[in-house]
Amino acid sequence: MARPRAEDYDEKRKAILKTSAELFSEHGFDRASMSQIAQGCGVSKALLYHYYANKDQLLFDIIRDHLDELIAGVEAAHDPSRAAEQRLRNYVGALLEAYRDANAEHKIQINDMKRLAPDQQEELKEKERHLVRLFSEAIVEAIPELGDGSKLLKPVTMSLFGMVNWHYLWFRPHGPVSREDYADIATAILLNGARSLTS
């Protein structure tokens, strides 16, 4: 008979993933050990192995959960009653908000996904593609000239991700520019720049 899960199983699993992400980000995936993760979580190695058999499983779940949270945040921001430009701005703001306190997970997604098995990579890349499609569709709604197979849609969409995905390198939570401010800035740069290409 299978051992029942504890009531706080999911809470503990998320805490393990958060600690693991921070250790992988700080020390590198290769150098961070299961012993360090157990110590960081304040649990025994035996308990850690009850949740995760190895670092590869941890790495996959860190990136999968991170991408799921990004997608959920953006999808929750969809408001068909708003004008197309505002919907795009809401998406950008939601993505920046989802990145709050997720620098370690984001860094790992960028640097360490390639360490996973091909089938795991493909599952995660499909989630990335889904996120990109959400933004591509929002961009076309705001700038219809980028639809109908325009060769500009992909570079414009990926330029937006370039602005947003790398903000963690310079953004400071208590700096002169807030996340809301930067969402306005990035959306304005994208819309004005893309429109200049289609005029």
Protein backbone atom coordinates (compact mmCIF):
# COMPACT_ATOMS: atom_id res chain seq x y z
CA MET A 1 0.00 0.00 0.00
CA ALA A 2 1.39 3.40 -1.01
CA ARG A 3 2.42 5.72 1.79
CA PRO A 4 -0.05 8.68 1.98
CA ARG A 5 1.30 12.17 1.33
CA ALA A 6 1.61 14.55 4.23
CA GLU A 7 -0.81 17.48 4.28
CA ASP A 8 2.07 19.90 3.80
CA TYR A 9 3.68 17.90 0.98
CA ASP A 10 3.20 20.57 -1.70
CA GLU A 11 4.36 23.34 0.63
CA LYS A 12 7.54 21.44 1.47
CA ARG A 13 8.12 20.57 -2.19
CA LYS A 14 7.94 24.24 -3.15
CA ALA A 15 10.34 25.17 -0.36
CA ILE A 16 12.79 22.52 -1.60
CA LEU A 17 12.53 23.86 -5.15
CA LYS A 18 13.11 27.45 -3.99
CA THR A 19 16.17 26.54 -1.94
CA SER A 20 17.52 24.35 -4.75
CA ALA A 21 17.07 27.16 -7.28
CA GLU A 22 18.99 29.57 -5.10
CA LEU A 23 21.82 27.08 -4.57
CA PHE A 24 22.00 26.15 -8.26
CA SER A 25 22.05 29.83 -9.19
CA GLU A 26 24.68 30.76 -6.62
CA HIS A 27 27.04 27.79 -6.84
CA GLY A 28 26.22 26.28 -10.22
CA PHE A 29 24.22 23.13 -10.90
CA ASP A 30 27.30 20.89 -10.91
CA ARG A 31 28.71 22.15 -7.61
CA ALA A 32 25.49 22.27 -5.58
CA SER A 33 24.97 18.96 -3.79
CA MET A 34 21.93 17.18 -2.43
CA SER A 35 23.55 17.50 1.02
CA GLN A 36 23.70 21.30 0.63
CA ILE A 37 20.08 21.37 -0.48
CA ALA A 38 18.97 19.26 2.49
CA GLN A 39 20.94 21.48 4.85
CA GLY A 40 19.52 24.64 3.27
CA CYS A 41 15.99 23.30 3.63
CA GLY A 42 16.59 22.21 7.21
CA VAL A 43 15.67 18.60 6.44
CA SER A 44 17.51 15.29 6.39
CA LYS A 45 18.88 13.84 3.16
CA ALA A 46 16.48 10.94 3.63
CA LEU A 47 13.52 13.31 3.66
CA LEU A 48 14.89 15.20 0.65
CA TYR A 49 15.16 11.92 -1.29
CA HIS A 50 11.53 11.24 -0.39
CA TYR A 51 10.69 14.24 -2.58
CA TYR A 52 13.44 14.10 -5.21
CA ALA A 53 15.72 11.23 -6.18
CA ASN A 54 18.31 13.43 -7.88
CA LYS A 55 19.25 16.93 -9.01
CA ASP A 56 17.93 16.39 -12.53
CA GLN A 57 14.42 15.93 -11.17
CA LEU A 58 14.86 19.08 -9.12
CA LEU A 59 16.09 21.04 -12.12
CA PHE A 60 13.15 19.95 -14.28
CA ASP A 61 10.57 20.87 -11.65
CA ILE A 62 12.21 24.23 -10.92
CA ILE A 63 11.98 25.26 -14.57
CA ARG A 64 8.55 23.70 -15.17
CA ASP A 65 7.00 25.37 -12.14
CA HIS A 66 8.63 28.68 -13.06
CA LEU A 67 7.26 28.58 -16.61
CA ASP A 68 3.81 27.53 -15.38
CA GLU A 69 3.76 30.54 -13.05
CA LEU A 70 4.78 32.89 -15.86
CA ILE A 71 2.06 31.54 -18.15
CA ALA A 72 -0.58 31.63 -15.41
CA GLY A 73 0.30 35.22 -14.55
CA VAL A 74 0.05 36.40 -18.15
CA GLU A 75 -3.15 34.49 -18.86
CA ALA A 76 -4.75 35.93 -15.72
CA ALA A 77 -3.97 39.43 -17.02
CA HIS A 78 -6.05 38.92 -20.16
CA ASP A 79 -8.94 41.36 -20.23
CA PRO A 80 -10.87 41.40 -23.53
CA SER A 81 -12.71 44.55 -22.46
CA ARG A 82 -9.50 46.61 -22.65
CA ALA A 83 -8.01 48.16 -25.77
CA ALA A 84 -5.33 46.09 -27.53
CA GLU A 85 -2.47 48.35 -26.43
CA GLN A 86 -3.55 48.13 -22.81
CA ARG A 87 -3.90 44.35 -23.03
CA LEU A 88 -0.30 44.12 -24.23
CA ARG A 89 0.79 46.46 -21.44
CA ASN A 90 -1.04 44.26 -18.94
CA TYR A 91 0.78 41.19 -20.26
CA VAL A 92 4.15 42.91 -19.88
CA GLY A 93 3.27 44.03 -16.37
CA ALA A 94 2.11 40.53 -15.43
CA LEU A 95 5.30 38.96 -16.73
CA LEU A 96 7.46 41.42 -14.80
CA GLU A 97 5.41 40.74 -11.68
CA ALA A 98 5.80 36.98 -12.15
CA TYR A 99 9.56 37.50 -12.26
CA ARG A 100 9.50 39.12 -8.81
CA ASP A 101 11.66 37.05 -6.44
CA ALA A 102 12.33 34.57 -9.27
CA ASN A 103 15.77 35.67 -10.45
CA ALA A 104 17.32 32.33 -9.52
CA GLU A 105 14.67 30.35 -11.39
CA HIS A 106 14.95 32.60 -14.42
CA LYS A 107 18.75 32.29 -14.49
CA ILE A 108 18.48 28.51 -14.29
CA GLN A 109 15.92 28.42 -17.10
CA ILE A 110 18.31 30.34 -19.34
CA ASN A 111 21.52 28.52 -18.41
CA ASP A 112 20.68 24.98 -17.33
CA MET A 113 17.73 23.66 -19.34
CA LYS A 114 20.22 22.13 -21.77
CA ARG A 115 21.33 19.72 -19.02
CA LEU A 116 18.01 17.89 -19.08
CA ALA A 117 17.01 14.91 -21.20
CA PRO A 118 15.72 15.78 -24.70
CA ASP A 119 12.11 14.87 -23.89
CA GLN A 120 12.16 17.04 -20.79
CA GLN A 121 13.69 19.91 -22.73
CA GLU A 122 10.97 19.61 -25.37
CA GLU A 123 8.21 19.73 -22.74
CA LEU A 124 9.71 22.91 -21.27
CA LYS A 125 10.35 24.48 -24.67
CA GLU A 126 6.69 23.97 -25.56
CA LYS A 127 5.79 25.98 -22.48
CA GLU A 128 8.19 28.69 -23.64
CA ARG A 129 6.59 28.64 -27.08
CA HIS A 130 3.14 28.96 -25.51
CA LEU A 131 4.27 32.06 -23.63
CA VAL A 132 5.74 33.53 -26.80
CA ARG A 133 2.46 32.86 -28.67
CA LEU A 134 0.50 34.75 -26.04
CA PHE A 135 2.66 37.82 -26.61
CA SER A 136 2.76 37.44 -30.40
CA GLU A 137 -1.03 37.38 -30.52
CA ALA A 138 -1.26 40.42 -28.26
CA ILE A 139 1.26 42.30 -30.41
CA VAL A 140 -0.71 41.55 -33.60
CA GLU A 141 -3.90 42.75 -31.94
CA ALA A 142 -2.15 46.02 -31.10
CA ILE A 143 -0.34 46.29 -34.46
CA PRO A 144 -2.38 44.41 -37.10
CA GLU A 145 0.26 45.13 -39.77
CA LEU A 146 2.45 42.51 -38.06
CA GLY A 147 -0.11 39.78 -38.80
CA ASP A 148 -0.66 37.77 -41.98
CA GLY A 149 2.73 36.09 -41.84
CA SER A 150 4.79 39.26 -41.45
CA LYS A 151 8.49 38.44 -41.18
CA LEU A 152 8.73 41.17 -38.54
CA LEU A 153 6.48 39.51 -35.95
CA LYS A 154 9.06 37.09 -34.57
CA PRO A 155 11.93 39.58 -34.18
CA VAL A 156 9.56 42.16 -32.67
CA THR A 157 8.16 39.61 -30.20
CA MET A 158 11.59 38.33 -29.23
CA SER A 159 12.84 41.90 -28.83
CA LEU A 160 10.15 42.42 -26.23
CA PHE A 161 11.30 39.31 -24.39
CA GLY A 162 14.85 40.59 -24.64
CA MET A 163 13.85 43.78 -22.83
CA VAL A 164 11.87 41.96 -20.16
CA ASN A 165 13.85 38.76 -19.63
CA TRP A 166 17.15 40.49 -18.95
CA HIS A 167 15.83 43.23 -16.67
CA TYR A 168 17.00 41.23 -13.65
CA LEU A 169 20.60 42.18 -14.47
CA TRP A 170 19.99 45.87 -13.76
CA PHE A 171 16.62 46.27 -12.06
CA ARG A 172 16.62 47.18 -8.36
CA PRO A 173 13.37 46.82 -6.36
CA HIS A 174 13.90 50.12 -4.57
CA GLY A 175 15.49 51.95 -7.48
CA PRO A 176 14.10 54.97 -9.34
CA VAL A 177 12.11 52.81 -11.82
CA SER A 178 9.36 50.52 -10.51
CA ARG A 179 8.14 47.36 -12.22
CA GLU A 180 5.02 49.27 -13.25
CA ASP A 181 7.19 52.04 -14.70
CA TYR A 182 9.29 49.56 -16.64
CA ALA A 183 6.20 47.81 -17.98
CA ASP A 184 5.10 51.17 -19.39
CA ILE A 185 8.57 51.84 -20.82
CA ALA A 186 9.02 48.43 -22.45
CA THR A 187 5.52 48.48 -23.96
CA ALA A 188 5.98 52.00 -25.34
CA ILE A 189 9.37 51.13 -26.87
CA LEU A 190 7.89 48.02 -28.45
CA LEU A 191 4.78 49.67 -29.85
CA ASN A 192 6.48 52.82 -31.12
CA GLY A 193 9.44 50.97 -32.54
CA ALA A 194 7.37 48.29 -34.27
CA ARG A 195 5.00 50.84 -35.73
CA SER A 196 7.94 52.74 -37.21
CA LEU A 197 8.91 49.53 -39.03
CA THR A 198 5.46 49.09 -40.55
CA SER A 199 4.77 52.68 -41.56
